[in-house]
Protein backbone atom coordinates (compact mmCIF):
# COMPACT_ATOMS: atom_id res chain seq x y z
CA MET A 1 -0.15 0.23 -0.05
CA LYS A 2 1.26 3.43 -0.63
CA THR A 3 2.46 5.35 2.10
CA SER A 4 0.48 8.46 1.26
CA GLU A 5 -2.61 6.54 1.16
CA LEU A 6 -2.36 5.75 4.53
CA GLU A 7 -4.76 6.69 7.45
CA GLY A 8 -6.41 5.07 10.84
CA ALA A 9 -5.47 2.50 12.84
CA GLU A 10 -3.33 1.66 9.77
CA LEU A 11 -1.72 4.45 9.79
CA ASN A 12 -1.07 3.98 13.52
CA LEU A 13 -0.03 0.60 13.12
CA TRP A 14 3.06 1.60 10.70
CA VAL A 15 4.21 4.66 12.69
CA ALA A 16 4.22 2.53 15.87
CA LYS A 17 6.24 -0.17 14.06
CA ALA A 18 8.98 3.20 12.59
CA ARG A 19 8.63 3.91 16.67
CA GLY A 20 9.59 0.33 17.75
CA VAL A 21 6.70 -0.28 19.64
CA PRO A 22 6.14 -3.63 20.79
CA LEU A 23 3.52 -5.29 18.59
CA ILE A 24 1.70 -8.84 18.67
CA GLU A 25 -0.62 -10.87 16.53
CA ARG A 26 -3.65 -11.99 18.31
CA ASN A 27 -6.96 -12.37 17.08
CA GLY A 28 -6.31 -11.08 13.15
CA ARG A 29 -5.08 -7.88 14.66
CA MET A 30 -1.78 -6.27 15.77
CA VAL A 31 -2.27 -4.94 19.67
CA LEU A 32 0.61 -3.45 21.89
CA ASN A 33 2.78 -6.07 23.42
CA THR A 34 1.82 -5.47 27.32
CA PHE A 35 3.00 -8.88 28.25
CA ASP A 36 -0.57 -9.50 29.48
CA ASP A 37 -3.01 -11.42 27.13
CA ASN A 38 -5.65 -9.66 29.61
CA HIS A 39 -5.07 -6.40 28.51
CA LEU A 40 -4.87 -5.85 25.37
CA ALA A 41 -4.85 -2.37 23.01
CA PRO A 42 -4.06 -0.79 19.89
CA PRO A 43 -1.33 0.94 18.90
CA PRO A 44 -1.41 4.59 20.30
CA ASP A 45 -3.84 6.76 18.13
CA PHE A 46 -0.40 9.04 16.60
CA SER A 47 -2.85 10.53 13.23
CA THR A 48 -5.29 11.76 15.66
CA ASP A 49 -4.40 12.60 19.17
CA TRP A 50 -2.38 15.23 19.44
CA SER A 51 -0.94 14.07 23.04
CA GLN A 52 0.25 11.05 20.91
CA GLY A 53 1.35 12.42 17.67
CA GLY A 54 2.40 16.15 18.44
CA PRO A 55 5.19 14.98 20.50
CA LEU A 56 6.76 12.58 17.51
CA ILE A 57 6.64 16.19 15.22
CA GLU A 58 8.71 18.07 17.60
CA GLU A 59 10.61 14.87 18.23
CA TYR A 60 11.71 14.62 14.62
CA GLY A 61 11.93 18.14 13.58
CA ILE A 62 8.30 17.39 11.25
CA GLN A 63 7.52 21.19 9.81
CA ILE A 64 3.36 21.43 8.55
CA MET A 65 2.48 24.19 5.97
CA PRO A 66 -1.32 24.25 4.41
CA SER A 67 -1.75 23.07 1.50
CA GLY A 68 -5.18 24.26 -0.50
CA SER A 69 -7.40 22.14 1.72
CA ASN A 70 -4.51 19.53 2.93
CA TRP A 71 -1.83 19.78 4.71
CA GLN A 72 1.71 19.07 3.92
CA ALA A 73 4.93 17.68 5.66
CA VAL A 74 8.33 17.52 5.72
CA SER A 75 11.22 17.53 7.90
CA PRO A 76 13.47 20.86 7.73
CA ASP A 77 16.87 19.24 9.36
CA ALA A 78 19.73 17.53 6.51
CA SER A 79 20.71 15.99 9.84
CA SER A 80 17.50 14.01 10.14
CA GLN A 81 16.50 11.01 8.30
CA PHE A 82 13.42 12.47 7.30
CA HIS A 83 14.73 15.31 4.73
CA GLY A 84 13.24 15.55 2.28
CA LYS A 85 10.41 13.35 2.67
CA LEU A 86 7.04 15.72 1.82
CA SER A 87 3.69 13.77 2.76
CA GLU A 88 0.40 15.06 2.58
CA GLY A 89 -2.88 14.78 4.15
CA PRO A 90 -6.03 15.52 4.99
CA THR A 91 -5.13 17.06 8.36
CA PRO A 92 -1.50 18.29 9.81
CA LEU A 93 -1.38 15.14 12.03
CA ILE A 94 -2.36 12.45 9.46
CA ALA A 95 -0.01 14.15 7.17
CA ALA A 96 3.45 14.41 9.73
CA MET A 97 2.55 10.24 10.51
CA ARG A 98 2.48 9.65 6.24
CA CYS A 99 6.52 11.89 6.82
CA LEU A 100 7.53 9.84 9.55
CA VAL A 101 6.13 6.18 8.44
CA ALA A 102 7.84 7.47 4.83
CA SER A 103 10.81 7.76 6.43
CA LYS A 104 11.69 4.84 7.46
CA PHE A 105 9.54 2.37 4.89
CA GLY A 106 9.43 4.21 2.30
CA GLU A 107 6.73 5.79 0.00
CA GLU A 108 5.33 1.51 0.14
CA VAL A 109 4.37 -1.00 2.69
CA ASN A 110 3.86 -4.11 3.08
CA ASP A 111 1.97 -6.28 5.57
């Protein structure tokens, strides 16, 4: 799937993978590896919750700007692994999280 098309739970999953969040598969879905099968949780909601995705924007120096009816995200830091990755999305967080995933895995991701 194209990184530019990721959204929702799927985008959150790929952000978690890019961050090295420990995940396991349970009942056909990826969940946080809490080492307690009674408390399975999905990955954090990076793409819609500013308390989850916002700190990543700052950490990676991702710059967000409006682009028509969408948003663009890019990292201006030449020393960053994100340098030159430009991503778009309908919201600032989606654009930024797509930028993060694209920088780690490229323009396409495979399940």
